[in-house]
Amino acid sequence: MNPADRSAHIAEKRAQEAWEQTGSYTQYTETWIQVFRQSSREIYHKPSLKNKSVFEILGVSKTPITE
């Protein structure tokens, strides 16, 4: 699982918990955004990722797709 997917997965889990506790879609959305930002910061600021390009971090090819 690439870092962006991992952040989204963590955010979804926490947002679902917030939804179950409050029943509020606004709380769900705010929690998802907050957790995604926090987990992204933690993942992307790891020293092991410091010298990698965004393409390497996300696990995608930087060569353009041509037909």
PDB file of N, CA and C in Angstrom:
ATOM      1  N   MET A   1       0.850  -1.168   0.000  1.00  0.00           N
ATOM      2  CA  MET A   1       0.000   0.000   0.000  1.00  0.00           C
ATOM      3  C   MET A   1       0.902   1.241   0.000  1.00  0.00           C
ATOM      4  N   ASN A   2       0.657   2.140  -0.940  1.00  0.00           N
ATOM      5  CA  ASN A   2       1.498   3.334  -0.997  1.00  0.00           C
ATOM      6  C   ASN A   2       1.102   4.310   0.117  1.00  0.00           C
ATOM      7  N   PRO A   3       1.956   5.294   0.411  1.00  0.00           N
ATOM      8  CA  PRO A   3       1.699   6.200   1.532  1.00  0.00           C
ATOM      9  C   PRO A   3       0.371   6.949   1.460  1.00  0.00           C
ATOM     10  N   ALA A   4      -0.022   7.397   0.284  1.00  0.00           N
ATOM     11  CA  ALA A   4      -1.292   8.127   0.160  1.00  0.00           C
ATOM     12  C   ALA A   4      -2.471   7.213   0.486  1.00  0.00           C
ATOM     13  N   ASP A   5      -2.423   5.979   0.007  1.00  0.00           N
ATOM     14  CA  ASP A   5      -3.483   5.015   0.313  1.00  0.00           C
ATOM     15  C   ASP A   5      -3.519   4.705   1.809  1.00  0.00           C
ATOM     16  N   ARG A   6      -2.336   4.594   2.399  1.00  0.00           N
ATOM     17  CA  ARG A   6      -2.254   4.306   3.826  1.00  0.00           C
ATOM     18  C   ARG A   6      -2.877   5.449   4.634  1.00  0.00           C
ATOM     19  N   SER A   7      -2.564   6.689   4.262  1.00  0.00           N
ATOM     20  CA  SER A   7      -3.145   7.847   4.949  1.00  0.00           C
ATOM     21  C   SER A   7      -4.661   7.861   4.810  1.00  0.00           C
ATOM     22  N   ALA A   8      -5.138   7.579   3.614  1.00  0.00           N
ATOM     23  CA  ALA A   8      -6.587   7.566   3.374  1.00  0.00           C
ATOM     24  C   ALA A   8      -7.259   6.452   4.172  1.00  0.00           C
ATOM     25  N   HIS A   9      -6.604   5.305   4.260  1.00  0.00           N
ATOM     26  CA  HIS A   9      -7.156   4.175   5.009  1.00  0.00           C
ATOM     27  C   HIS A   9      -7.270   4.519   6.497  1.00  0.00           C
ATOM     28  N   ILE A  10      -6.227   5.119   7.044  1.00  0.00           N
ATOM     29  CA  ILE A  10      -6.239   5.528   8.447  1.00  0.00           C
ATOM     30  C   ILE A  10      -7.340   6.561   8.676  1.00  0.00           C
ATOM     31  N   ALA A  11      -7.426   7.537   7.777  1.00  0.00           N
ATOM     32  CA  ALA A  11      -8.432   8.595   7.899  1.00  0.00           C
ATOM     33  C   ALA A  11      -9.841   8.018   7.837  1.00  0.00           C
ATOM     34  N   GLU A  12     -10.065   7.088   6.939  1.00  0.00           N
ATOM     35  CA  GLU A  12     -11.390   6.482   6.796  1.00  0.00           C
ATOM     36  C   GLU A  12     -11.799   5.751   8.076  1.00  0.00           C
ATOM     37  N   LYS A  13     -10.865   5.030   8.649  1.00  0.00           N
ATOM     38  CA  LYS A  13     -11.152   4.276   9.876  1.00  0.00           C
ATOM     39  C   LYS A  13     -11.530   5.218  11.020  1.00  0.00           C
ATOM     40  N   ARG A  14     -10.750   6.278  11.215  1.00  0.00           N
ATOM     41  CA  ARG A  14     -11.027   7.228  12.298  1.00  0.00           C
ATOM     42  C   ARG A  14     -12.306   8.017  12.045  1.00  0.00           C
ATOM     43  N   ALA A  15     -12.549   8.380  10.797  1.00  0.00           N
ATOM     44  CA  ALA A  15     -13.762   9.127  10.459  1.00  0.00           C
ATOM     45  C   ALA A  15     -15.000   8.272  10.705  1.00  0.00           C
ATOM     46  N   GLN A  16     -14.899   6.983  10.385  1.00  0.00           N
ATOM     47  CA  GLN A  16     -16.017   6.064  10.631  1.00  0.00           C
ATOM     48  C   GLN A  16     -16.315   5.977  12.129  1.00  0.00           C
ATOM     49  N   GLU A  17     -15.257   5.953  12.942  1.00  0.00           N
ATOM     50  CA  GLU A  17     -15.441   5.930  14.394  1.00  0.00           C
ATOM     51  C   GLU A  17     -16.141   7.206  14.863  1.00  0.00           C
ATOM     52  N   ALA A  18     -15.741   8.352  14.306  1.00  0.00           N
ATOM     53  CA  ALA A  18     -16.369   9.629  14.669  1.00  0.00           C
ATOM     54  C   ALA A  18     -17.841   9.634  14.267  1.00  0.00           C
ATOM     55  N   TRP A  19     -18.127   9.085  13.098  1.00  0.00           N
ATOM     56  CA  TRP A  19     -19.515   9.004  12.617  1.00  0.00           C
ATOM     57  C   TRP A  19     -20.361   8.155  13.564  1.00  0.00           C
ATOM     58  N   GLU A  20     -19.819   7.010  13.977  1.00  0.00           N
ATOM     59  CA  GLU A  20     -20.553   6.110  14.869  1.00  0.00           C
ATOM     60  C   GLU A  20     -20.808   6.744  16.236  1.00  0.00           C
ATOM     61  N   GLN A  21     -19.870   7.573  16.694  1.00  0.00           N
ATOM     62  CA  GLN A  21     -20.017   8.209  18.004  1.00  0.00           C
ATOM     63  C   GLN A  21     -20.970   9.395  17.967  1.00  0.00           C
ATOM     64  N   THR A  22     -20.947  10.164  16.875  1.00  0.00           N
ATOM     65  CA  THR A  22     -21.714  11.414  16.838  1.00  0.00           C
ATOM     66  C   THR A  22     -22.910  11.376  15.901  1.00  0.00           C
ATOM     67  N   GLY A  23     -22.865  10.540  14.869  1.00  0.00           N
ATOM     68  CA  GLY A  23     -23.926  10.526  13.870  1.00  0.00           C
ATOM     69  C   GLY A  23     -23.896  11.750  12.976  1.00  0.00           C
ATOM     70  N   SER A  24     -22.797  12.486  13.027  1.00  0.00           N
ATOM     71  CA  SER A  24     -22.681  13.745  12.285  1.00  0.00           C
ATOM     72  C   SER A  24     -21.793  13.570  11.058  1.00  0.00           C
ATOM     73  N   TYR A  25     -22.357  13.866   9.885  1.00  0.00           N
ATOM     74  CA  TYR A  25     -21.562  13.779   8.661  1.00  0.00           C
ATOM     75  C   TYR A  25     -20.479  14.853   8.650  1.00  0.00           C
ATOM     76  N   THR A  26     -20.782  16.012   9.233  1.00  0.00           N
ATOM     77  CA  THR A  26     -19.782  17.082   9.323  1.00  0.00           C
ATOM     78  C   THR A  26     -18.597  16.613  10.158  1.00  0.00           C
ATOM     79  N   GLN A  27     -18.871  15.965  11.276  1.00  0.00           N
ATOM     80  CA  GLN A  27     -17.801  15.448  12.130  1.00  0.00           C
ATOM     81  C   GLN A  27     -16.995  14.383  11.389  1.00  0.00           C
ATOM     82  N   TYR A  28     -17.681  13.551  10.620  1.00  0.00           N
ATOM     83  CA  TYR A  28     -17.012  12.524   9.811  1.00  0.00           C
ATOM     84  C   TYR A  28     -16.025  13.184   8.851  1.00  0.00           C
ATOM     85  N   THR A  29     -16.500  14.196   8.124  1.00  0.00           N
ATOM     86  CA  THR A  29     -15.671  14.876   7.124  1.00  0.00           C
ATOM     87  C   THR A  29     -14.493  15.590   7.771  1.00  0.00           C
ATOM     88  N   GLU A  30     -14.754  16.327   8.840  1.00  0.00           N
ATOM     89  CA  GLU A  30     -13.680  17.056   9.522  1.00  0.00           C
ATOM     90  C   GLU A  30     -12.636  16.102  10.092  1.00  0.00           C
ATOM     91  N   THR A  31     -13.092  14.994  10.656  1.00  0.00           N
ATOM     92  CA  THR A  31     -12.163  14.003  11.204  1.00  0.00           C
ATOM     93  C   THR A  31     -11.319  13.393  10.095  1.00  0.00           C
ATOM     94  N   TRP A  32     -11.948  13.057   8.963  1.00  0.00           N
ATOM     95  CA  TRP A  32     -11.224  12.453   7.840  1.00  0.00           C
ATOM     96  C   TRP A  32     -10.113  13.385   7.379  1.00  0.00           C
ATOM     97  N   ILE A  33     -10.448  14.654   7.175  1.00  0.00           N
ATOM     98  CA  ILE A  33      -9.460  15.628   6.692  1.00  0.00           C
ATOM     99  C   ILE A  33      -8.329  15.795   7.702  1.00  0.00           C
ATOM    100  N   GLN A  34      -8.673  15.950   8.967  1.00  0.00           N
ATOM    101  CA  GLN A  34      -7.669  16.153  10.006  1.00  0.00           C
ATOM    102  C   GLN A  34      -6.728  14.952  10.110  1.00  0.00           C
ATOM    103  N   VAL A  35      -7.282  13.755  10.144  1.00  0.00           N
ATOM    104  CA  VAL A  35      -6.461  12.550  10.284  1.00  0.00           C
ATOM    105  C   VAL A  35      -5.617  12.327   9.031  1.00  0.00           C
ATOM    106  N   PHE A  36      -6.182  12.576   7.840  1.00  0.00           N
ATOM    107  CA  PHE A  36      -5.423  12.408   6.601  1.00  0.00           C
ATOM    108  C   PHE A  36      -4.223  13.345   6.585  1.00  0.00           C
ATOM    109  N   ARG A  37      -4.439  14.597   6.947  1.00  0.00           N
ATOM    110  CA  ARG A  37      -3.329  15.565   6.978  1.00  0.00           C
ATOM    111  C   ARG A  37      -2.252  15.135   7.963  1.00  0.00           C
ATOM    112  N   GLN A  38      -2.665  14.742   9.165  1.00  0.00           N
ATOM    113  CA  GLN A  38      -1.706  14.349  10.193  1.00  0.00           C
ATOM    114  C   GLN A  38      -0.929  13.104   9.780  1.00  0.00           C
ATOM    115  N   SER A  39      -1.619  12.085   9.309  1.00  0.00           N
ATOM    116  CA  SER A  39      -0.914  10.854   8.936  1.00  0.00           C
ATOM    117  C   SER A  39      -0.035  11.085   7.712  1.00  0.00           C
ATOM    118  N   SER A  40      -0.459  11.957   6.806  1.00  0.00           N
ATOM    119  CA  SER A  40       0.365  12.281   5.640  1.00  0.00           C
ATOM    120  C   SER A  40       1.648  12.967   6.080  1.00  0.00           C
ATOM    121  N   ARG A  41       1.519  13.902   7.016  1.00  0.00           N
ATOM    122  CA  ARG A  41       2.702  14.593   7.531  1.00  0.00           C
ATOM    123  C   ARG A  41       3.671  13.599   8.145  1.00  0.00           C
ATOM    124  N   GLU A  42       3.157  12.678   8.940  1.00  0.00           N
ATOM    125  CA  GLU A  42       4.010  11.686   9.596  1.00  0.00           C
ATOM    126  C   GLU A  42       4.685  10.779   8.574  1.00  0.00           C
ATOM    127  N   ILE A  43       3.943  10.360   7.570  1.00  0.00           N
ATOM    128  CA  ILE A  43       4.489   9.446   6.564  1.00  0.00           C
ATOM    129  C   ILE A  43       5.499  10.153   5.667  1.00  0.00           C
ATOM    130  N   TYR A  44       5.147  11.337   5.163  1.00  0.00           N
ATOM    131  CA  TYR A  44       5.994  12.015   4.187  1.00  0.00           C
ATOM    132  C   TYR A  44       7.209  12.691   4.787  1.00  0.00           C
ATOM    133  N   HIS A  45       7.255  12.877   6.098  1.00  0.00           N
ATOM    134  CA  HIS A  45       8.406  13.526   6.706  1.00  0.00           C
ATOM    135  C   HIS A  45       9.357  12.545   7.383  1.00  0.00           C
ATOM    136  N   LYS A  46       9.195  11.275   7.076  1.00  0.00           N
ATOM    137  CA  LYS A  46      10.133  10.282   7.591  1.00  0.00           C
ATOM    138  C   LYS A  46      11.495  10.513   6.931  1.00  0.00           C
ATOM    139  N   PRO A  47      12.580  10.388   7.687  1.00  0.00           N
ATOM    140  CA  PRO A  47      13.915  10.596   7.112  1.00  0.00           C
ATOM    141  C   PRO A  47      14.202   9.696   5.911  1.00  0.00           C
ATOM    142  N   SER A  48      13.649   8.499   5.906  1.00  0.00           N
ATOM    143  CA  SER A  48      13.912   7.575   4.803  1.00  0.00           C
ATOM    144  C   SER A  48      13.312   8.068   3.491  1.00  0.00           C
ATOM    145  N   LEU A  49      12.358   9.000   3.570  1.00  0.00           N
ATOM    146  CA  LEU A  49      11.722   9.520   2.362  1.00  0.00           C
ATOM    147  C   LEU A  49      12.279  10.878   1.956  1.00  0.00           C
ATOM    148  N   LYS A  50      13.181  11.413   2.748  1.00  0.00           N
ATOM    149  CA  LYS A  50      13.648  12.784   2.545  1.00  0.00           C
ATOM    150  C   LYS A  50      14.216  13.034   1.152  1.00  0.00           C
ATOM    151  N   ASN A  51      14.993  12.122   0.615  1.00  0.00           N
ATOM    152  CA  ASN A  51      15.637  12.350  -0.674  1.00  0.00           C
ATOM    153  C   ASN A  51      14.920  11.684  -1.842  1.00  0.00           C
ATOM    154  N   LYS A  52      13.716  11.212  -1.615  1.00  0.00           N
ATOM    155  CA  LYS A  52      12.963  10.568  -2.687  1.00  0.00           C
ATOM    156  C   LYS A  52      12.056  11.578  -3.369  1.00  0.00           C
ATOM    157  N   SER A  53      11.805  11.341  -4.637  1.00  0.00           N
ATOM    158  CA  SER A  53      10.878  12.205  -5.363  1.00  0.00           C
ATOM    159  C   SER A  53       9.452  11.849  -4.974  1.00  0.00           C
ATOM    160  N   VAL A  54       8.540  12.764  -5.253  1.00  0.00           N
ATOM    161  CA  VAL A  54       7.130  12.513  -4.952  1.00  0.00           C
ATOM    162  C   VAL A  54       6.635  11.279  -5.707  1.00  0.00           C
ATOM    163  N   PHE A  55       7.182  11.034  -6.891  1.00  0.00           N
ATOM    164  CA  PHE A  55       6.774   9.877  -7.683  1.00  0.00           C
ATOM    165  C   PHE A  55       7.173   8.578  -6.987  1.00  0.00           C
ATOM    166  N   GLU A  56       8.384   8.558  -6.430  1.00  0.00           N
ATOM    167  CA  GLU A  56       8.843   7.369  -5.710  1.00  0.00           C
ATOM    168  C   GLU A  56       8.020   7.144  -4.444  1.00  0.00           C
ATOM    169  N   ILE A  57       7.705   8.222  -3.737  1.00  0.00           N
ATOM    170  CA  ILE A  57       6.931   8.119  -2.504  1.00  0.00           C
ATOM    171  C   ILE A  57       5.543   7.564  -2.787  1.00  0.00           C
ATOM    172  N   LEU A  58       4.914   8.069  -3.842  1.00  0.00           N
ATOM    173  CA  LEU A  58       3.566   7.624  -4.175  1.00  0.00           C
ATOM    174  C   LEU A  58       3.548   6.286  -4.893  1.00  0.00           C
ATOM    175  N   GLY A  59       4.711   5.843  -5.352  1.00  0.00           N
ATOM    176  CA  GLY A  59       4.786   4.553  -6.019  1.00  0.00           C
ATOM    177  C   GLY A  59       4.250   4.574  -7.431  1.00  0.00           C
ATOM    178  N   VAL A  60       4.418   5.709  -8.110  1.00  0.00           N
ATOM    179  CA  VAL A  60       3.949   5.813  -9.488  1.00  0.00           C
ATOM    180  C   VAL A  60       5.125   6.098 -10.410  1.00  0.00           C
ATOM    181  N   SER A  61       4.930   5.797 -11.665  1.00  0.00           N
ATOM    182  CA  SER A  61       5.962   6.037 -12.663  1.00  0.00           C
ATOM    183  C   SER A  61       5.929   7.496 -13.084  1.00  0.00           C
ATOM    184  N   LYS A  62       7.111   8.094 -13.274  1.00  0.00           N
ATOM    185  CA  LYS A  62       7.122   9.483 -13.723  1.00  0.00           C
ATOM    186  C   LYS A  62       7.258   9.590 -15.236  1.00  0.00           C
ATOM    187  N   THR A  63       7.270   8.458 -15.907  1.00  0.00           N
ATOM    188  CA  THR A  63       7.292   8.510 -17.366  1.00  0.00           C
ATOM    189  C   THR A  63       5.872   8.735 -17.861  1.00  0.00           C
ATOM    190  N   PRO A  64       5.705   9.624 -18.814  1.00  0.00           N
ATOM    191  CA  PRO A  64       4.348   9.911 -19.288  1.00  0.00           C
ATOM    192  C   PRO A  64       3.729   8.710 -19.996  1.00  0.00           C
ATOM    193  N   ILE A  65       2.438   8.603 -19.861  1.00  0.00           N
ATOM    194  CA  ILE A  65       1.709   7.533 -20.546  1.00  0.00           C
ATOM    195  C   ILE A  65       1.419   8.010 -21.959  1.00  0.00           C
ATOM    196  N   THR A  66       1.866   7.239 -22.926  1.00  0.00           N
ATOM    197  CA  THR A  66       1.631   7.611 -24.325  1.00  0.00           C
ATOM    198  C   THR A  66       0.808   6.531 -24.991  1.00  0.00           C
ATOM    199  N   GLU A  67       0.089   6.942 -25.982  1.00  0.00           N
ATOM    200  CA  GLU A  67      -0.747   5.973 -26.705  1.00  0.00           C
ATOM    201  C   GLU A  67      -0.031   5.490 -27.938  1.00  0.00           C
TER     202      GLU A  67
END
